[in-house]
Amino acid sequence: MTLLQEIQRDLVNESADITNILRKCKILAAKLGNKEFDDWLENELNGYSDTDALPNYRILETESVGNFGGFMGAQMTNSPIPLSCLPPKYQERYRTAHLREPISYYIPLVHSSKPGESLQSPWSADAIKYIGDKIYKNFILLSARQVIPYGSITALIDTVRNRTLSFILQIESSNPDAGEAPLHSKPVPEATVQQVFTTYIMGNVSNMSAGSQNISTQINVTYNDFASLKGYLKSIGVAAEDIDELDTALKEDKTSSPEDGIGKRAKGWIAKMKKKAETGAWQMTVQVAANLLSTAISTYLKAPP
């Protein structure tokens, strides 16, 4: 049995430990010589130190609930908190949860959970104080917390398993013996591995949340076709003047460094769009904005294998 076949067998076995599977994938990554795949495995196994590096499936839309006290001992427990009562800097913080822990952290939580249970993350004292009397008339907020259903954690684990399987199958279709090759021998062309990683691990087809909206979108962008990139950006709410600015940035990057992936000016444009998301000028959460824009621009810039 080859390494690729062994990994596939384990991935379709629900009882197989996903952490052990990812360790086997580390061996494959060393043979393929692809840094992005190796970095992704490292992050999944050991946790993400940088929130900006989180893939979209680790950024979850959440709800918050609180306990309230009122006149003459009146109480309200586990009551929903509308985030519109908060200033923008708190809305972004409590609208999404960033799951940065190693995947091994979440597995026992799911196995030990009971129906209806959830992960809970307490609000800061500053946020509670700010919003305390602004939600329900004659009630004061005493405590608040974000709620993450364990079903969302199960979905995270399944997503890692499913995306890994898709990646392995595509690598096998390129070279069935890739797992038996010497270390760093690159048995599959580097451009092919990168395209497979971008498509099947990072995901060109994404279900993401943007603010209070639910976006289910396919990133239909074609290599070196700015019209397709422009159409996609328009579909997710990017303003026409911002798209024109990106067009200029991409042309300037191509002139200065034509094979440098996302160039300095395009990265600066993405950073500007993240700032718009932070201020609410663009109705998109910051992390979702960064993921969508980076993936769309990378697809436009990178030639298919």
C-alpha atoms as a PDB file:
ATOM      1  CA  MET A   1       0.000   0.000   0.000  1.00  0.00           C
ATOM      2  CA  THR A   2       1.415   3.365  -1.007  1.00  0.00           C
ATOM      3  CA  LEU A   3       1.513   6.381   1.305  1.00  0.00           C
ATOM      4  CA  LEU A   4      -1.251   8.056  -0.710  1.00  0.00           C
ATOM      5  CA  GLN A   5      -3.457   4.964  -0.440  1.00  0.00           C
ATOM      6  CA  GLU A   6      -2.773   4.698   3.285  1.00  0.00           C
ATOM      7  CA  ILE A   7      -3.779   8.314   3.839  1.00  0.00           C
ATOM      8  CA  GLN A   8      -6.948   7.831   1.791  1.00  0.00           C
ATOM      9  CA  ARG A   9      -7.864   4.720   3.792  1.00  0.00           C
ATOM     10  CA  ASP A  10      -7.463   6.617   7.048  1.00  0.00           C
ATOM     11  CA  LEU A  11      -9.410   9.657   5.844  1.00  0.00           C
ATOM     12  CA  VAL A  12     -12.515   7.631   5.038  1.00  0.00           C
ATOM     13  CA  ASN A  13     -12.305   5.832   8.391  1.00  0.00           C
ATOM     14  CA  GLU A  14     -14.252   7.979  10.858  1.00  0.00           C
ATOM     15  CA  SER A  15     -12.472   6.384  13.816  1.00  0.00           C
ATOM     16  CA  ALA A  16      -8.981   7.213  12.487  1.00  0.00           C
ATOM     17  CA  ASP A  17      -7.294  10.054  14.374  1.00  0.00           C
ATOM     18  CA  ILE A  18      -7.103  13.111  12.124  1.00  0.00           C
ATOM     19  CA  THR A  19      -3.896  14.278  13.836  1.00  0.00           C
ATOM     20  CA  ASN A  20      -2.096  11.073  12.855  1.00  0.00           C
ATOM     21  CA  ILE A  21      -3.387  11.464   9.307  1.00  0.00           C
ATOM     22  CA  LEU A  22      -2.002  15.011   9.117  1.00  0.00           C
ATOM     23  CA  ARG A  23       1.357  13.755  10.400  1.00  0.00           C
ATOM     24  CA  LYS A  24       1.468  11.314   7.483  1.00  0.00           C
ATOM     25  CA  CYS A  25       0.631  14.224   5.212  1.00  0.00           C
ATOM     26  CA  LYS A  26       3.693  16.018   6.611  1.00  0.00           C
ATOM     27  CA  ILE A  27       5.790  13.228   5.103  1.00  0.00           C
ATOM     28  CA  LEU A  28       4.069  13.764   1.773  1.00  0.00           C
ATOM     29  CA  ALA A  29       4.579  17.542   2.015  1.00  0.00           C
ATOM     30  CA  ALA A  30       8.323  16.993   2.460  1.00  0.00           C
ATOM     31  CA  LYS A  31       8.399  14.871  -0.685  1.00  0.00           C
ATOM     32  CA  LEU A  32       6.325  17.365  -2.678  1.00  0.00           C
ATOM     33  CA  GLY A  33       8.435  20.278  -1.474  1.00  0.00           C
ATOM     34  CA  ASN A  34       5.423  22.603  -1.217  1.00  0.00           C
ATOM     35  CA  LYS A  35       5.798  25.151   1.585  1.00  0.00           C
ATOM     36  CA  GLU A  36       2.151  26.273   1.631  1.00  0.00           C
ATOM     37  CA  PHE A  37       0.880  22.717   2.154  1.00  0.00           C
ATOM     38  CA  ASP A  38       3.504  22.088   4.836  1.00  0.00           C
ATOM     39  CA  ASP A  39       2.650  25.373   6.616  1.00  0.00           C
ATOM     40  CA  TRP A  40      -1.063  24.508   6.569  1.00  0.00           C
ATOM     41  CA  LEU A  41      -0.362  21.103   8.123  1.00  0.00           C
ATOM     42  CA  GLU A  42       1.891  22.705  10.740  1.00  0.00           C
ATOM     43  CA  ASN A  43      -0.835  25.174  11.673  1.00  0.00           C
ATOM     44  CA  GLU A  44      -3.535  22.501  11.883  1.00  0.00           C
ATOM     45  CA  LEU A  45      -1.315  20.315  14.075  1.00  0.00           C
ATOM     46  CA  ASN A  46       0.132  23.019  16.342  1.00  0.00           C
ATOM     47  CA  GLY A  47      -2.319  25.904  16.140  1.00  0.00           C
ATOM     48  CA  TYR A  48      -2.391  29.230  14.308  1.00  0.00           C
ATOM     49  CA  SER A  49      -0.263  31.953  15.879  1.00  0.00           C
ATOM     50  CA  ASP A  50      -1.501  34.572  13.401  1.00  0.00           C
ATOM     51  CA  THR A  51      -5.215  35.281  13.095  1.00  0.00           C
ATOM     52  CA  ASP A  52      -4.693  36.632   9.582  1.00  0.00           C
ATOM     53  CA  ALA A  53      -3.494  33.167   8.507  1.00  0.00           C
ATOM     54  CA  LEU A  54      -6.741  31.458   9.536  1.00  0.00           C
ATOM     55  CA  PRO A  55      -8.553  29.706   6.670  1.00  0.00           C
ATOM     56  CA  ASN A  56     -12.220  30.572   6.241  1.00  0.00           C
ATOM     57  CA  TYR A  57     -13.505  27.377   7.876  1.00  0.00           C
ATOM     58  CA  ARG A  58     -11.885  28.428  11.174  1.00  0.00           C
ATOM     59  CA  ILE A  59     -13.723  31.764  11.247  1.00  0.00           C
ATOM     60  CA  LEU A  60     -17.263  31.244  12.496  1.00  0.00           C
ATOM     61  CA  GLU A  61     -20.271  33.512  12.748  1.00  0.00           C
ATOM     62  CA  THR A  62     -21.458  33.466  16.352  1.00  0.00           C
ATOM     63  CA  GLU A  63     -24.291  34.647  18.536  1.00  0.00           C
ATOM     64  CA  SER A  64     -24.002  36.143  21.998  1.00  0.00           C
ATOM     65  CA  VAL A  65     -26.279  35.710  24.986  1.00  0.00           C
ATOM     66  CA  GLY A  66     -26.334  37.303  28.404  1.00  0.00           C
ATOM     67  CA  ASN A  67     -27.773  37.247  31.892  1.00  0.00           C
ATOM     68  CA  PHE A  68     -29.644  40.356  32.993  1.00  0.00           C
ATOM     69  CA  GLY A  69     -30.800  41.740  36.324  1.00  0.00           C
ATOM     70  CA  GLY A  70     -33.761  44.052  36.876  1.00  0.00           C
ATOM     71  CA  PHE A  71     -35.889  45.751  39.522  1.00  0.00           C
ATOM     72  CA  MET A  72     -36.877  43.746  42.591  1.00  0.00           C
ATOM     73  CA  GLY A  73     -34.647  40.812  41.687  1.00  0.00           C
ATOM     74  CA  ALA A  74     -36.087  40.242  38.229  1.00  0.00           C
ATOM     75  CA  GLN A  75     -33.784  38.152  36.043  1.00  0.00           C
ATOM     76  CA  MET A  76     -33.367  37.178  32.400  1.00  0.00           C
ATOM     77  CA  THR A  77     -30.954  34.357  31.544  1.00  0.00           C
ATOM     78  CA  ASN A  78     -29.436  33.287  28.245  1.00  0.00           C
ATOM     79  CA  SER A  79     -31.163  36.146  26.460  1.00  0.00           C
ATOM     80  CA  PRO A  80     -29.900  37.077  22.963  1.00  0.00           C
ATOM     81  CA  ILE A  81     -27.791  40.215  22.608  1.00  0.00           C
ATOM     82  CA  PRO A  82     -28.190  42.270  19.391  1.00  0.00           C
ATOM     83  CA  LEU A  83     -24.676  43.346  18.384  1.00  0.00           C
ATOM     84  CA  SER A  84     -26.035  46.516  16.806  1.00  0.00           C
ATOM     85  CA  CYS A  85     -26.057  47.933  20.336  1.00  0.00           C
ATOM     86  CA  LEU A  86     -22.241  47.810  20.334  1.00  0.00           C
ATOM     87  CA  PRO A  87     -19.788  50.191  18.622  1.00  0.00           C
ATOM     88  CA  PRO A  88     -18.167  48.769  15.448  1.00  0.00           C
ATOM     89  CA  LYS A  89     -14.917  47.720  17.163  1.00  0.00           C
ATOM     90  CA  TYR A  90     -16.864  45.419  19.485  1.00  0.00           C
ATOM     91  CA  GLN A  91     -19.298  44.232  16.806  1.00  0.00           C
ATOM     92  CA  GLU A  92     -16.513  42.659  14.756  1.00  0.00           C
ATOM     93  CA  ARG A  93     -14.960  41.085  17.822  1.00  0.00           C
ATOM     94  CA  TYR A  94     -18.124  39.390  19.029  1.00  0.00           C
ATOM     95  CA  ARG A  95     -19.688  38.636  15.654  1.00  0.00           C
ATOM     96  CA  THR A  96     -17.026  36.084  14.750  1.00  0.00           C
ATOM     97  CA  ALA A  97     -14.987  33.454  16.554  1.00  0.00           C
ATOM     98  CA  HIS A  98     -11.440  32.720  15.436  1.00  0.00           C
ATOM     99  CA  LEU A  99     -10.583  29.089  16.147  1.00  0.00           C
ATOM    100  CA  ARG A 100      -6.793  29.102  16.449  1.00  0.00           C
ATOM    101  CA  GLU A 101      -6.152  25.999  18.552  1.00  0.00           C
ATOM    102  CA  PRO A 102      -4.617  22.780  17.140  1.00  0.00           C
ATOM    103  CA  ILE A 103      -7.207  20.459  15.664  1.00  0.00           C
ATOM    104  CA  SER A 104      -6.400  17.968  18.435  1.00  0.00           C
ATOM    105  CA  TYR A 105      -7.830  20.500  20.929  1.00  0.00           C
ATOM    106  CA  TYR A 106     -11.323  20.270  19.417  1.00  0.00           C
ATOM    107  CA  ILE A 107     -11.625  16.501  18.971  1.00  0.00           C
ATOM    108  CA  PRO A 108     -12.158  15.565  22.657  1.00  0.00           C
ATOM    109  CA  LEU A 109     -14.568  18.503  23.068  1.00  0.00           C
ATOM    110  CA  VAL A 110     -16.806  17.052  20.378  1.00  0.00           C
ATOM    111  CA  HIS A 111     -16.544  13.498  21.698  1.00  0.00           C
ATOM    112  CA  SER A 112     -17.493  14.535  25.242  1.00  0.00           C
ATOM    113  CA  SER A 113     -20.251  16.970  24.272  1.00  0.00           C
ATOM    114  CA  LYS A 114     -23.941  16.396  24.901  1.00  0.00           C
ATOM    115  CA  PRO A 115     -26.880  17.521  22.729  1.00  0.00           C
ATOM    116  CA  GLY A 116     -27.388  21.259  23.021  1.00  0.00           C
ATOM    117  CA  GLU A 117     -23.977  21.961  24.562  1.00  0.00           C
ATOM    118  CA  SER A 118     -21.707  24.632  23.139  1.00  0.00           C
ATOM    119  CA  LEU A 119     -18.354  26.325  23.537  1.00  0.00           C
ATOM    120  CA  GLN A 120     -18.666  29.619  25.361  1.00  0.00           C
ATOM    121  CA  SER A 121     -16.305  32.576  25.346  1.00  0.00           C
ATOM    122  CA  PRO A 122     -16.959  35.355  27.901  1.00  0.00           C
ATOM    123  CA  TRP A 123     -17.181  38.986  26.897  1.00  0.00           C
ATOM    124  CA  SER A 124     -14.732  41.536  28.224  1.00  0.00           C
ATOM    125  CA  ALA A 125     -15.750  43.649  31.212  1.00  0.00           C
ATOM    126  CA  ASP A 126     -15.429  46.810  29.071  1.00  0.00           C
ATOM    127  CA  ALA A 127     -17.957  45.568  26.522  1.00  0.00           C
ATOM    128  CA  ILE A 128     -20.409  44.526  29.252  1.00  0.00           C
ATOM    129  CA  LYS A 129     -20.099  47.908  30.908  1.00  0.00           C
ATOM    130  CA  TYR A 130     -20.589  49.807  27.651  1.00  0.00           C
ATOM    131  CA  ILE A 131     -23.711  47.939  26.610  1.00  0.00           C
ATOM    132  CA  GLY A 132     -25.068  47.275  30.121  1.00  0.00           C
ATOM    133  CA  ASP A 133     -28.293  49.314  30.048  1.00  0.00           C
ATOM    134  CA  LYS A 134     -28.721  49.636  26.262  1.00  0.00           C
ATOM    135  CA  ILE A 135     -30.403  46.305  25.424  1.00  0.00           C
ATOM    136  CA  TYR A 136     -33.545  45.571  27.433  1.00  0.00           C
ATOM    137  CA  LYS A 137     -35.544  48.286  29.157  1.00  0.00           C
ATOM    138  CA  ASN A 138     -35.217  48.234  32.954  1.00  0.00           C
ATOM    139  CA  PHE A 139     -32.571  45.481  32.817  1.00  0.00           C
ATOM    140  CA  ILE A 140     -28.803  45.617  33.266  1.00  0.00           C
ATOM    141  CA  LEU A 141     -26.431  43.189  31.571  1.00  0.00           C
ATOM    142  CA  LEU A 142     -24.572  41.220  34.257  1.00  0.00           C
ATOM    143  CA  SER A 143     -22.605  38.761  32.112  1.00  0.00           C
ATOM    144  CA  ALA A 144     -22.301  37.909  28.417  1.00  0.00           C
ATOM    145  CA  ARG A 145     -20.682  35.265  26.268  1.00  0.00           C
ATOM    146  CA  GLN A 146     -20.260  34.126  22.693  1.00  0.00           C
ATOM    147  CA  VAL A 147     -21.851  30.768  21.914  1.00  0.00           C
ATOM    148  CA  ILE A 148     -20.319  28.310  19.444  1.00  0.00           C
ATOM    149  CA  PRO A 149     -22.399  25.138  18.913  1.00  0.00           C
ATOM    150  CA  TYR A 150     -20.389  21.932  18.960  1.00  0.00           C
ATOM    151  CA  GLY A 151     -21.891  21.162  15.574  1.00  0.00           C
ATOM    152  CA  SER A 152     -19.704  23.959  14.190  1.00  0.00           C
ATOM    153  CA  ILE A 153     -16.635  22.315  15.703  1.00  0.00           C
ATOM    154  CA  THR A 154     -17.620  18.975  14.180  1.00  0.00           C
ATOM    155  CA  ALA A 155     -17.934  20.739  10.822  1.00  0.00           C
ATOM    156  CA  LEU A 156     -14.432  22.179  11.237  1.00  0.00           C
ATOM    157  CA  ILE A 157     -12.933  18.705  11.774  1.00  0.00           C
ATOM    158  CA  ASP A 158     -14.894  17.266   8.841  1.00  0.00           C
ATOM    159  CA  THR A 159     -13.763  20.135   6.621  1.00  0.00           C
ATOM    160  CA  VAL A 160     -10.103  19.410   7.346  1.00  0.00           C
ATOM    161  CA  ARG A 161     -10.686  15.721   6.647  1.00  0.00           C
ATOM    162  CA  ASN A 162     -12.612  16.358   3.411  1.00  0.00           C
ATOM    163  CA  ARG A 163     -10.218  18.946   2.021  1.00  0.00           C
ATOM    164  CA  THR A 164      -7.238  16.735   2.767  1.00  0.00           C
ATOM    165  CA  LEU A 165      -8.891  13.836   0.951  1.00  0.00           C
ATOM    166  CA  SER A 166      -9.590  15.990  -2.111  1.00  0.00           C
ATOM    167  CA  PHE A 167      -5.970  17.166  -2.121  1.00  0.00           C
ATOM    168  CA  ILE A 168      -4.601  13.612  -1.852  1.00  0.00           C
ATOM    169  CA  LEU A 169      -6.838  12.346  -4.657  1.00  0.00           C
ATOM    170  CA  GLN A 170      -5.702  15.129  -6.975  1.00  0.00           C
ATOM    171  CA  ILE A 171      -2.035  14.485  -6.185  1.00  0.00           C
ATOM    172  CA  GLU A 172      -2.554  10.776  -6.852  1.00  0.00           C
ATOM    173  CA  SER A 173      -4.135  11.561 -10.220  1.00  0.00           C
ATOM    174  CA  SER A 174      -0.967  13.478 -11.137  1.00  0.00           C
ATOM    175  CA  ASN A 175       1.458  10.824  -9.858  1.00  0.00           C
ATOM    176  CA  PRO A 176       0.223   7.680  -8.053  1.00  0.00           C
ATOM    177  CA  ASP A 177       3.739   7.081  -6.688  1.00  0.00           C
ATOM    178  CA  ALA A 178       4.268  10.602  -5.348  1.00  0.00           C
ATOM    179  CA  GLY A 179       4.257   9.314  -1.766  1.00  0.00           C
ATOM    180  CA  GLU A 180       7.120   6.895  -2.483  1.00  0.00           C
ATOM    181  CA  ALA A 181       9.441   9.534  -3.932  1.00  0.00           C
ATOM    182  CA  PRO A 182      12.588  10.720  -2.088  1.00  0.00           C
ATOM    183  CA  LEU A 183      12.313  13.750   0.179  1.00  0.00           C
ATOM    184  CA  HIS A 184      12.158  17.095  -1.654  1.00  0.00           C
ATOM    185  CA  SER A 185      12.214  15.341  -5.026  1.00  0.00           C
ATOM    186  CA  LYS A 186       9.044  17.138  -6.156  1.00  0.00           C
ATOM    187  CA  PRO A 187       7.405  14.175  -7.907  1.00  0.00           C
ATOM    188  CA  VAL A 188       4.527  16.443  -9.001  1.00  0.00           C
ATOM    189  CA  PRO A 189       5.239  19.760 -10.770  1.00  0.00           C
ATOM    190  CA  GLU A 190       5.333  22.595  -8.269  1.00  0.00           C
ATOM    191  CA  ALA A 191       2.744  24.635 -10.188  1.00  0.00           C
ATOM    192  CA  THR A 192       0.350  21.682 -10.110  1.00  0.00           C
ATOM    193  CA  VAL A 193       0.743  21.157  -6.367  1.00  0.00           C
ATOM    194  CA  GLN A 194       0.182  24.859  -5.731  1.00  0.00           C
ATOM    195  CA  GLN A 195      -2.953  24.929  -7.857  1.00  0.00           C
ATOM    196  CA  VAL A 196      -4.331  21.823  -6.140  1.00  0.00           C
ATOM    197  CA  PHE A 197      -3.552  23.320  -2.719  1.00  0.00           C
ATOM    198  CA  THR A 198      -5.235  26.633  -3.561  1.00  0.00           C
ATOM    199  CA  THR A 199      -8.311  24.935  -5.000  1.00  0.00           C
ATOM    200  CA  TYR A 200      -8.876  22.039  -2.601  1.00  0.00           C
ATOM    201  CA  ILE A 201      -7.297  23.109   0.702  1.00  0.00           C
ATOM    202  CA  MET A 202      -7.898  26.861   0.747  1.00  0.00           C
ATOM    203  CA  GLY A 203     -11.093  26.405  -1.263  1.00  0.00           C
ATOM    204  CA  ASN A 204     -12.158  28.370  -4.324  1.00  0.00           C
ATOM    205  CA  VAL A 205     -15.759  27.449  -3.460  1.00  0.00           C
ATOM    206  CA  SER A 206     -16.598  28.953  -0.099  1.00  0.00           C
ATOM    207  CA  ASN A 207     -19.494  29.448   2.278  1.00  0.00           C
ATOM    208  CA  MET A 208     -18.703  32.528   4.321  1.00  0.00           C
ATOM    209  CA  SER A 209     -20.459  35.098   6.433  1.00  0.00           C
ATOM    210  CA  ALA A 210     -20.109  38.810   5.826  1.00  0.00           C
ATOM    211  CA  GLY A 211     -21.524  40.961   8.582  1.00  0.00           C
ATOM    212  CA  SER A 212     -25.127  39.998   9.049  1.00  0.00           C
ATOM    213  CA  GLN A 213     -25.270  38.610   5.500  1.00  0.00           C
ATOM    214  CA  ASN A 214     -24.783  34.977   4.518  1.00  0.00           C
ATOM    215  CA  ILE A 215     -22.704  34.673   1.374  1.00  0.00           C
ATOM    216  CA  SER A 216     -22.526  31.420  -0.548  1.00  0.00           C
ATOM    217  CA  THR A 217     -20.295  32.177  -3.460  1.00  0.00           C
ATOM    218  CA  GLN A 218     -18.163  30.477  -6.066  1.00  0.00           C
ATOM    219  CA  ILE A 219     -15.039  32.405  -6.973  1.00  0.00           C
ATOM    220  CA  ASN A 220     -15.440  32.376 -10.743  1.00  0.00           C
ATOM    221  CA  VAL A 221     -12.212  34.104 -11.723  1.00  0.00           C
ATOM    222  CA  THR A 222     -10.175  33.161 -14.783  1.00  0.00           C
ATOM    223  CA  TYR A 223      -6.409  33.425 -15.083  1.00  0.00           C
ATOM    224  CA  ASN A 224      -5.277  36.690 -16.695  1.00  0.00           C
ATOM    225  CA  ASP A 225      -8.882  37.792 -17.372  1.00  0.00           C
ATOM    226  CA  PHE A 226      -9.473  41.017 -15.485  1.00  0.00           C
ATOM    227  CA  ALA A 227     -13.096  41.157 -16.649  1.00  0.00           C
ATOM    228  CA  SER A 228     -13.822  37.964 -14.689  1.00  0.00           C
ATOM    229  CA  LEU A 229     -12.050  39.345 -11.610  1.00  0.00           C
ATOM    230  CA  LYS A 230     -13.910  42.642 -11.942  1.00  0.00           C
ATOM    231  CA  GLY A 231     -17.245  40.841 -12.242  1.00  0.00           C
ATOM    232  CA  TYR A 232     -16.570  38.752  -9.154  1.00  0.00           C
ATOM    233  CA  LEU A 233     -15.452  41.724  -7.045  1.00  0.00           C
ATOM    234  CA  LYS A 234     -18.556  43.630  -8.092  1.00  0.00           C
ATOM    235  CA  SER A 235     -20.716  40.661  -7.041  1.00  0.00           C
ATOM    236  CA  ILE A 236     -19.388  40.800  -3.464  1.00  0.00           C
ATOM    237  CA  GLY A 237     -19.915  44.540  -3.117  1.00  0.00           C
ATOM    238  CA  VAL A 238     -16.560  46.078  -4.036  1.00  0.00           C
ATOM    239  CA  ALA A 239     -17.089  49.623  -5.327  1.00  0.00           C
ATOM    240  CA  ALA A 240     -16.272  50.468  -8.947  1.00  0.00           C
ATOM    241  CA  GLU A 241     -13.608  52.999  -7.955  1.00  0.00           C
ATOM    242  CA  ASP A 242     -11.900  50.395  -5.769  1.00  0.00           C
ATOM    243  CA  ILE A 243     -11.887  47.886  -8.637  1.00  0.00           C
ATOM    244  CA  ASP A 244     -10.306  50.523 -10.923  1.00  0.00           C
ATOM    245  CA  GLU A 245      -7.675  51.148  -8.256  1.00  0.00           C
ATOM    246  CA  LEU A 246      -6.893  47.410  -8.112  1.00  0.00           C
ATOM    247  CA  ASP A 247      -6.572  47.311 -11.911  1.00  0.00           C
ATOM    248  CA  THR A 248      -3.911  50.018 -11.711  1.00  0.00           C
ATOM    249  CA  ALA A 249      -2.135  48.269  -8.831  1.00  0.00           C
ATOM    250  CA  LEU A 250      -2.006  44.937 -10.705  1.00  0.00           C
ATOM    251  CA  LYS A 251      -0.596  46.623 -13.806  1.00  0.00           C
ATOM    252  CA  GLU A 252       2.085  48.382 -11.756  1.00  0.00           C
ATOM    253  CA  ASP A 253       2.983  45.137  -9.962  1.00  0.00           C
ATOM    254  CA  LYS A 254       3.256  43.309 -13.293  1.00  0.00           C
ATOM    255  CA  THR A 255       5.618  45.955 -14.626  1.00  0.00           C
ATOM    256  CA  SER A 256       7.903  45.831 -11.595  1.00  0.00           C
ATOM    257  CA  SER A 257       7.766  42.103 -10.720  1.00  0.00           C
ATOM    258  CA  PRO A 258       5.698  40.053 -13.232  1.00  0.00           C
ATOM    259  CA  GLU A 259       6.201  36.689 -11.514  1.00  0.00           C
ATOM    260  CA  ASP A 260       5.965  37.726  -7.899  1.00  0.00           C
ATOM    261  CA  GLY A 261       2.453  36.507  -7.162  1.00  0.00           C
ATOM    262  CA  ILE A 262       0.387  39.134  -5.349  1.00  0.00           C
ATOM    263  CA  GLY A 263       2.646  42.159  -5.566  1.00  0.00           C
ATOM    264  CA  LYS A 264       3.262  44.983  -3.130  1.00  0.00           C
ATOM    265  CA  ARG A 265       0.647  47.336  -4.569  1.00  0.00           C
ATOM    266  CA  ALA A 266      -2.064  44.670  -4.750  1.00  0.00           C
ATOM    267  CA  LYS A 267      -1.327  43.679  -1.149  1.00  0.00           C
ATOM    268  CA  GLY A 268      -1.651  47.336  -0.205  1.00  0.00           C
ATOM    269  CA  TRP A 269      -5.038  47.409  -1.930  1.00  0.00           C
ATOM    270  CA  ILE A 270      -6.189  44.345   0.056  1.00  0.00           C
ATOM    271  CA  ALA A 271      -5.060  46.058   3.271  1.00  0.00           C
ATOM    272  CA  LYS A 272      -7.085  49.140   2.305  1.00  0.00           C
ATOM    273  CA  MET A 273     -10.185  47.001   1.737  1.00  0.00           C
ATOM    274  CA  LYS A 274      -9.685  45.375   5.154  1.00  0.00           C
ATOM    275  CA  LYS A 275      -9.685  48.866   6.661  1.00  0.00           C
ATOM    276  CA  LYS A 276     -12.980  49.575   4.915  1.00  0.00           C
ATOM    277  CA  ALA A 277     -14.408  46.398   6.401  1.00  0.00           C
ATOM    278  CA  GLU A 278     -13.178  47.425   9.864  1.00  0.00           C
ATOM    279  CA  THR A 279     -14.956  50.772   9.667  1.00  0.00           C
ATOM    280  CA  GLY A 280     -18.125  49.294   8.214  1.00  0.00           C
ATOM    281  CA  ALA A 281     -17.719  51.168   4.900  1.00  0.00           C
ATOM    282  CA  TRP A 282     -17.843  47.797   3.161  1.00  0.00           C
ATOM    283  CA  GLN A 283     -20.374  45.311   4.557  1.00  0.00           C
ATOM    284  CA  MET A 284     -17.955  42.434   4.959  1.00  0.00           C
ATOM    285  CA  THR A 285     -16.193  41.032   8.016  1.00  0.00           C
ATOM    286  CA  VAL A 286     -12.461  41.688   8.039  1.00  0.00           C
ATOM    287  CA  GLN A 287     -11.222  38.090   7.879  1.00  0.00           C
ATOM    288  CA  VAL A 288     -13.733  37.051   5.233  1.00  0.00           C
ATOM    289  CA  ALA A 289     -12.762  40.092   3.150  1.00  0.00           C
ATOM    290  CA  ALA A 290      -9.066  39.197   3.295  1.00  0.00           C
ATOM    291  CA  ASN A 291      -9.701  35.543   2.383  1.00  0.00           C
ATOM    292  CA  LEU A 292     -12.034  36.306  -0.522  1.00  0.00           C
ATOM    293  CA  LEU A 293      -9.858  39.020  -2.037  1.00  0.00           C
ATOM    294  CA  SER A 294      -6.579  37.127  -1.686  1.00  0.00           C
ATOM    295  CA  THR A 295      -8.047  33.962  -3.231  1.00  0.00           C
ATOM    296  CA  ALA A 296      -9.680  35.840  -6.120  1.00  0.00           C
ATOM    297  CA  ILE A 297      -6.520  37.813  -6.962  1.00  0.00           C
ATOM    298  CA  SER A 298      -4.304  34.715  -6.651  1.00  0.00           C
ATOM    299  CA  THR A 299      -6.592  32.848  -9.064  1.00  0.00           C
ATOM    300  CA  TYR A 300      -6.378  35.749 -11.533  1.00  0.00           C
ATOM    301  CA  LEU A 301      -2.564  35.880 -11.322  1.00  0.00           C
ATOM    302  CA  LYS A 302      -1.644  32.180 -11.288  1.00  0.00           C
ATOM    303  CA  ALA A 303      -1.643  30.205 -14.519  1.00  0.00           C
ATOM    304  CA  PRO A 304      -3.378  26.802 -14.329  1.00  0.00           C
ATOM    305  CA  PRO A 305      -1.077  23.761 -14.388  1.00  0.00           C
END
